[in-house]
Amino acid sequence: MQRKYYEMLKKDLHDQAIVRIVEVEDLRAWKYYPMIERIRKTKNWQKLASWLPASPQAYSDLYNPV
């Protein structure tokens, strides 16, 4: 989760929950991000299902990396 949400959510976390702080910039700097983006923007990938172009997987650059 992003650091800015940790204080707000920590009271609701299970005692054994493992929290990893990951910022948006970290996701976009991830080594696989460019490859994921290339697939996401490929028209052939979006044609795999009629609902796909209107889904978060297709229009949000951070949906798949998360």
PDB file of N, CA and C in Angstrom:
ATOM      1  N   MET A   1       0.834  -1.175   0.000  1.00  0.00           N
ATOM      2  CA  MET A   1       0.000   0.000   0.000  1.00  0.00           C
ATOM      3  C   MET A   1       0.875   1.233   0.000  1.00  0.00           C
ATOM      4  N   GLN A   2       0.296   2.327  -0.407  1.00  0.00           N
ATOM      5  CA  GLN A   2       1.030   3.581  -0.335  1.00  0.00           C
ATOM      6  C   GLN A   2       1.160   3.999   1.127  1.00  0.00           C
ATOM      7  N   ARG A   3       2.286   4.605   1.434  1.00  0.00           N
ATOM      8  CA  ARG A   3       2.569   5.025   2.812  1.00  0.00           C
ATOM      9  C   ARG A   3       1.459   5.925   3.368  1.00  0.00           C
ATOM     10  N   LYS A   4       0.892   6.775   2.516  1.00  0.00           N
ATOM     11  CA  LYS A   4      -0.114   7.729   2.998  1.00  0.00           C
ATOM     12  C   LYS A   4      -1.376   7.040   3.542  1.00  0.00           C
ATOM     13  N   TYR A   5      -1.592   5.780   3.191  1.00  0.00           N
ATOM     14  CA  TYR A   5      -2.776   5.064   3.673  1.00  0.00           C
ATOM     15  C   TYR A   5      -2.502   4.179   4.894  1.00  0.00           C
ATOM     16  N   TYR A   6      -1.253   3.968   5.224  1.00  0.00           N
ATOM     17  CA  TYR A   6      -0.914   3.022   6.278  1.00  0.00           C
ATOM     18  C   TYR A   6      -1.521   3.400   7.628  1.00  0.00           C
ATOM     19  N   GLU A   7      -1.340   4.618   8.085  1.00  0.00           N
ATOM     20  CA  GLU A   7      -1.863   5.027   9.396  1.00  0.00           C
ATOM     21  C   GLU A   7      -3.379   4.854   9.476  1.00  0.00           C
ATOM     22  N   MET A   8      -4.049   5.156   8.400  1.00  0.00           N
ATOM     23  CA  MET A   8      -5.505   5.060   8.373  1.00  0.00           C
ATOM     24  C   MET A   8      -5.967   3.597   8.439  1.00  0.00           C
ATOM     25  N   LEU A   9      -5.200   2.685   7.869  1.00  0.00           N
ATOM     26  CA  LEU A   9      -5.628   1.293   7.753  1.00  0.00           C
ATOM     27  C   LEU A   9      -5.007   0.328   8.759  1.00  0.00           C
ATOM     28  N   LYS A  10      -3.951   0.740   9.435  1.00  0.00           N
ATOM     29  CA  LYS A  10      -3.221  -0.214  10.272  1.00  0.00           C
ATOM     30  C   LYS A  10      -4.065  -0.824  11.387  1.00  0.00           C
ATOM     31  N   LYS A  11      -5.048  -0.107  11.913  1.00  0.00           N
ATOM     32  CA  LYS A  11      -5.896  -0.656  12.980  1.00  0.00           C
ATOM     33  C   LYS A  11      -6.766  -1.810  12.477  1.00  0.00           C
ATOM     34  N   ASP A  12      -6.986  -1.878  11.180  1.00  0.00           N
ATOM     35  CA  ASP A  12      -7.826  -2.923  10.594  1.00  0.00           C
ATOM     36  C   ASP A  12      -7.024  -4.111  10.067  1.00  0.00           C
ATOM     37  N   LEU A  13      -5.704  -4.054  10.187  1.00  0.00           N
ATOM     38  CA  LEU A  13      -4.863  -5.129   9.681  1.00  0.00           C
ATOM     39  C   LEU A  13      -4.766  -6.269  10.689  1.00  0.00           C
ATOM     40  N   HIS A  14      -4.746  -7.462  10.207  1.00  0.00           N
ATOM     41  CA  HIS A  14      -4.555  -8.643  11.035  1.00  0.00           C
ATOM     42  C   HIS A  14      -3.154  -8.581  11.646  1.00  0.00           C
ATOM     43  N   ASP A  15      -2.974  -9.146  12.846  1.00  0.00           N
ATOM     44  CA  ASP A  15      -1.681  -9.104  13.531  1.00  0.00           C
ATOM     45  C   ASP A  15      -0.537  -9.677  12.697  1.00  0.00           C
ATOM     46  N   GLN A  16      -0.843 -10.647  11.875  1.00  0.00           N
ATOM     47  CA  GLN A  16       0.204 -11.280  11.080  1.00  0.00           C
ATOM     48  C   GLN A  16       0.264 -10.756   9.645  1.00  0.00           C
ATOM     49  N   ALA A  17      -0.444  -9.675   9.387  1.00  0.00           N
ATOM     50  CA  ALA A  17      -0.429  -9.090   8.045  1.00  0.00           C
ATOM     51  C   ALA A  17       0.958  -8.540   7.738  1.00  0.00           C
ATOM     52  N   ILE A  18       1.372  -8.749   6.536  1.00  0.00           N
ATOM     53  CA  ILE A  18       2.639  -8.194   6.065  1.00  0.00           C
ATOM     54  C   ILE A  18       2.304  -7.044   5.131  1.00  0.00           C
ATOM     55  N   VAL A  19       2.763  -5.872   5.483  1.00  0.00           N
ATOM     56  CA  VAL A  19       2.478  -4.681   4.689  1.00  0.00           C
ATOM     57  C   VAL A  19       3.741  -4.275   3.953  1.00  0.00           C
ATOM     58  N   ARG A  20       3.597  -4.082   2.685  1.00  0.00           N
ATOM     59  CA  ARG A  20       4.714  -3.612   1.878  1.00  0.00           C
ATOM     60  C   ARG A  20       4.338  -2.237   1.348  1.00  0.00           C
ATOM     61  N   ILE A  21       5.187  -1.270   1.615  1.00  0.00           N
ATOM     62  CA  ILE A  21       4.946   0.087   1.138  1.00  0.00           C
ATOM     63  C   ILE A  21       5.456   0.175  -0.293  1.00  0.00           C
ATOM     64  N   VAL A  22       4.561   0.511  -1.192  1.00  0.00           N
ATOM     65  CA  VAL A  22       4.899   0.658  -2.604  1.00  0.00           C
ATOM     66  C   VAL A  22       4.206   1.921  -3.097  1.00  0.00           C
ATOM     67  N   GLU A  23       4.989   2.832  -3.578  1.00  0.00           N
ATOM     68  CA  GLU A  23       4.446   4.079  -4.107  1.00  0.00           C
ATOM     69  C   GLU A  23       4.181   3.931  -5.606  1.00  0.00           C
ATOM     70  N   VAL A  24       3.346   4.798  -6.126  1.00  0.00           N
ATOM     71  CA  VAL A  24       3.017   4.781  -7.551  1.00  0.00           C
ATOM     72  C   VAL A  24       4.295   4.865  -8.388  1.00  0.00           C
ATOM     73  N   GLU A  25       5.207   5.711  -7.978  1.00  0.00           N
ATOM     74  CA  GLU A  25       6.460   5.866  -8.719  1.00  0.00           C
ATOM     75  C   GLU A  25       7.245   4.551  -8.758  1.00  0.00           C
ATOM     76  N   ASP A  26       7.158   3.771  -7.677  1.00  0.00           N
ATOM     77  CA  ASP A  26       7.844   2.477  -7.632  1.00  0.00           C
ATOM     78  C   ASP A  26       7.284   1.528  -8.688  1.00  0.00           C
ATOM     79  N   LEU A  27       5.973   1.523  -8.836  1.00  0.00           N
ATOM     80  CA  LEU A  27       5.349   0.650  -9.829  1.00  0.00           C
ATOM     81  C   LEU A  27       5.767   1.040 -11.236  1.00  0.00           C
ATOM     82  N   ARG A  28       5.797   2.333 -11.492  1.00  0.00           N
ATOM     83  CA  ARG A  28       6.166   2.788 -12.839  1.00  0.00           C
ATOM     84  C   ARG A  28       7.660   2.623 -13.114  1.00  0.00           C
ATOM     85  N   ALA A  29       8.463   2.487 -12.069  1.00  0.00           N
ATOM     86  CA  ALA A  29       9.904   2.267 -12.230  1.00  0.00           C
ATOM     87  C   ALA A  29      10.263   0.776 -12.248  1.00  0.00           C
ATOM     88  N   TRP A  30       9.289  -0.089 -11.990  1.00  0.00           N
ATOM     89  CA  TRP A  30       9.498  -1.530 -11.945  1.00  0.00           C
ATOM     90  C   TRP A  30       9.987  -2.022 -13.302  1.00  0.00           C
ATOM     91  N   LYS A  31      10.908  -2.944 -13.317  1.00  0.00           N
ATOM     92  CA  LYS A  31      11.530  -3.382 -14.572  1.00  0.00           C
ATOM     93  C   LYS A  31      10.540  -4.006 -15.562  1.00  0.00           C
ATOM     94  N   TYR A  32       9.434  -4.539 -15.096  1.00  0.00           N
ATOM     95  CA  TYR A  32       8.453  -5.155 -15.986  1.00  0.00           C
ATOM     96  C   TYR A  32       7.380  -4.179 -16.477  1.00  0.00           C
ATOM     97  N   TYR A  33       7.350  -3.004 -15.919  1.00  0.00           N
ATOM     98  CA  TYR A  33       6.320  -2.028 -16.284  1.00  0.00           C
ATOM     99  C   TYR A  33       6.286  -1.750 -17.791  1.00  0.00           C
ATOM    100  N   PRO A  34       7.414  -1.463 -18.444  1.00  0.00           N
ATOM    101  CA  PRO A  34       7.356  -1.194 -19.893  1.00  0.00           C
ATOM    102  C   PRO A  34       6.780  -2.359 -20.702  1.00  0.00           C
ATOM    103  N   MET A  35       7.100  -3.581 -20.309  1.00  0.00           N
ATOM    104  CA  MET A  35       6.568  -4.750 -21.022  1.00  0.00           C
ATOM    105  C   MET A  35       5.057  -4.877 -20.815  1.00  0.00           C
ATOM    106  N   ILE A  36       4.612  -4.642 -19.584  1.00  0.00           N
ATOM    107  CA  ILE A  36       3.180  -4.700 -19.286  1.00  0.00           C
ATOM    108  C   ILE A  36       2.437  -3.629 -20.073  1.00  0.00           C
ATOM    109  N   GLU A  37       3.014  -2.450 -20.147  1.00  0.00           N
ATOM    110  CA  GLU A  37       2.399  -1.356 -20.909  1.00  0.00           C
ATOM    111  C   GLU A  37       2.316  -1.696 -22.392  1.00  0.00           C
ATOM    112  N   ARG A  38       3.356  -2.295 -22.920  1.00  0.00           N
ATOM    113  CA  ARG A  38       3.363  -2.661 -24.339  1.00  0.00           C
ATOM    114  C   ARG A  38       2.217  -3.631 -24.629  1.00  0.00           C
ATOM    115  N   ILE A  39       2.022  -4.609 -23.768  1.00  0.00           N
ATOM    116  CA  ILE A  39       0.921  -5.565 -23.943  1.00  0.00           C
ATOM    117  C   ILE A  39      -0.419  -4.858 -23.798  1.00  0.00           C
ATOM    118  N   ARG A  40      -0.554  -4.038 -22.770  1.00  0.00           N
ATOM    119  CA  ARG A  40      -1.825  -3.363 -22.498  1.00  0.00           C
ATOM    120  C   ARG A  40      -2.271  -2.491 -23.663  1.00  0.00           C
ATOM    121  N   LYS A  41      -1.342  -1.881 -24.346  1.00  0.00           N
ATOM    122  CA  LYS A  41      -1.679  -0.968 -25.441  1.00  0.00           C
ATOM    123  C   LYS A  41      -1.815  -1.658 -26.796  1.00  0.00           C
ATOM    124  N   THR A  42      -1.538  -2.953 -26.838  1.00  0.00           N
ATOM    125  CA  THR A  42      -1.644  -3.707 -28.085  1.00  0.00           C
ATOM    126  C   THR A  42      -3.107  -3.949 -28.431  1.00  0.00           C
ATOM    127  N   LYS A  43      -3.481  -3.575 -29.636  1.00  0.00           N
ATOM    128  CA  LYS A  43      -4.876  -3.755 -30.068  1.00  0.00           C
ATOM    129  C   LYS A  43      -5.258  -5.237 -30.087  1.00  0.00           C
ATOM    130  N   ASN A  44      -4.337  -6.116 -30.434  1.00  0.00           N
ATOM    131  CA  ASN A  44      -4.641  -7.551 -30.445  1.00  0.00           C
ATOM    132  C   ASN A  44      -5.014  -8.048 -29.058  1.00  0.00           C
ATOM    133  N   TRP A  45      -4.362  -7.550 -28.024  1.00  0.00           N
ATOM    134  CA  TRP A  45      -4.691  -7.948 -26.651  1.00  0.00           C
ATOM    135  C   TRP A  45      -6.085  -7.447 -26.281  1.00  0.00           C
ATOM    136  N   GLN A  46      -6.383  -6.215 -26.649  1.00  0.00           N
ATOM    137  CA  GLN A  46      -7.690  -5.651 -26.301  1.00  0.00           C
ATOM    138  C   GLN A  46      -8.832  -6.338 -27.038  1.00  0.00           C
ATOM    139  N   LYS A  47      -8.538  -6.971 -28.149  1.00  0.00           N
ATOM    140  CA  LYS A  47      -9.576  -7.675 -28.919  1.00  0.00           C
ATOM    141  C   LYS A  47      -9.851  -9.085 -28.404  1.00  0.00           C
ATOM    142  N   LEU A  48      -9.136  -9.518 -27.374  1.00  0.00           N
ATOM    143  CA  LEU A  48      -9.326 -10.877 -26.863  1.00  0.00           C
ATOM    144  C   LEU A  48     -10.709 -11.095 -26.252  1.00  0.00           C
ATOM    145  N   ALA A  49     -11.334 -10.021 -25.791  1.00  0.00           N
ATOM    146  CA  ALA A  49     -12.690 -10.124 -25.231  1.00  0.00           C
ATOM    147  C   ALA A  49     -13.404  -8.807 -25.505  1.00  0.00           C
ATOM    148  N   SER A  50     -14.676  -8.871 -25.779  1.00  0.00           N
ATOM    149  CA  SER A  50     -15.424  -7.661 -26.141  1.00  0.00           C
ATOM    150  C   SER A  50     -15.459  -6.632 -25.012  1.00  0.00           C
ATOM    151  N   TRP A  51     -15.403  -7.088 -23.770  1.00  0.00           N
ATOM    152  CA  TRP A  51     -15.478  -6.189 -22.615  1.00  0.00           C
ATOM    153  C   TRP A  51     -14.126  -5.589 -22.250  1.00  0.00           C
ATOM    154  N   LEU A  52     -13.049  -6.149 -22.771  1.00  0.00           N
ATOM    155  CA  LEU A  52     -11.706  -5.757 -22.339  1.00  0.00           C
ATOM    156  C   LEU A  52     -11.357  -4.283 -22.581  1.00  0.00           C
ATOM    157  N   PRO A  53     -11.642  -3.701 -23.742  1.00  0.00           N
ATOM    158  CA  PRO A  53     -11.254  -2.295 -23.944  1.00  0.00           C
ATOM    159  C   PRO A  53     -11.861  -1.316 -22.933  1.00  0.00           C
ATOM    160  N   ALA A  54     -13.007  -1.651 -22.354  1.00  0.00           N
ATOM    161  CA  ALA A  54     -13.655  -0.760 -21.383  1.00  0.00           C
ATOM    162  C   ALA A  54     -13.337  -1.132 -19.938  1.00  0.00           C
ATOM    163  N   SER A  55     -12.441  -2.081 -19.742  1.00  0.00           N
ATOM    164  CA  SER A  55     -12.130  -2.562 -18.398  1.00  0.00           C
ATOM    165  C   SER A  55     -10.925  -1.834 -17.806  1.00  0.00           C
ATOM    166  N   PRO A  56     -10.776  -1.882 -16.473  1.00  0.00           N
ATOM    167  CA  PRO A  56      -9.604  -1.257 -15.832  1.00  0.00           C
ATOM    168  C   PRO A  56      -8.278  -1.826 -16.344  1.00  0.00           C
ATOM    169  N   GLN A  57      -8.257  -3.095 -16.712  1.00  0.00           N
ATOM    170  CA  GLN A  57      -7.033  -3.692 -17.245  1.00  0.00           C
ATOM    171  C   GLN A  57      -6.548  -2.955 -18.481  1.00  0.00           C
ATOM    172  N   ALA A  58      -7.477  -2.444 -19.267  1.00  0.00           N
ATOM    173  CA  ALA A  58      -7.117  -1.771 -20.517  1.00  0.00           C
ATOM    174  C   ALA A  58      -6.859  -0.278 -20.339  1.00  0.00           C
ATOM    175  N   TYR A  59      -7.619   0.392 -19.473  1.00  0.00           N
ATOM    176  CA  TYR A  59      -7.458   1.847 -19.402  1.00  0.00           C
ATOM    177  C   TYR A  59      -6.617   2.340 -18.230  1.00  0.00           C
ATOM    178  N   SER A  60      -6.270   1.486 -17.302  1.00  0.00           N
ATOM    179  CA  SER A  60      -5.443   1.916 -16.159  1.00  0.00           C
ATOM    180  C   SER A  60      -4.042   1.329 -16.262  1.00  0.00           C
ATOM    181  N   ASP A  61      -3.044   2.183 -16.333  1.00  0.00           N
ATOM    182  CA  ASP A  61      -1.682   1.693 -16.482  1.00  0.00           C
ATOM    183  C   ASP A  61      -1.175   0.978 -15.228  1.00  0.00           C
ATOM    184  N   LEU A  62      -1.828   1.152 -14.100  1.00  0.00           N
ATOM    185  CA  LEU A  62      -1.349   0.524 -12.869  1.00  0.00           C
ATOM    186  C   LEU A  62      -2.152  -0.698 -12.447  1.00  0.00           C
ATOM    187  N   TYR A  63      -3.236  -1.011 -13.151  1.00  0.00           N
ATOM    188  CA  TYR A  63      -4.076  -2.144 -12.764  1.00  0.00           C
ATOM    189  C   TYR A  63      -3.300  -3.464 -12.818  1.00  0.00           C
ATOM    190  N   ASN A  64      -2.670  -3.753 -13.927  1.00  0.00           N
ATOM    191  CA  ASN A  64      -1.961  -5.025 -14.088  1.00  0.00           C
ATOM    192  C   ASN A  64      -0.701  -5.124 -13.221  1.00  0.00           C
ATOM    193  N   PRO A  65       0.123  -4.078 -13.118  1.00  0.00           N
ATOM    194  CA  PRO A  65       1.295  -4.202 -12.238  1.00  0.00           C
ATOM    195  C   PRO A  65       0.939  -4.480 -10.788  1.00  0.00           C
ATOM    196  N   VAL A  66      -0.175  -3.955 -10.335  1.00  0.00           N
ATOM    197  CA  VAL A  66      -0.569  -4.193  -8.947  1.00  0.00           C
ATOM    198  C   VAL A  66      -1.001  -5.627  -8.808  1.00  0.00           C
TER     199      VAL A  66
END
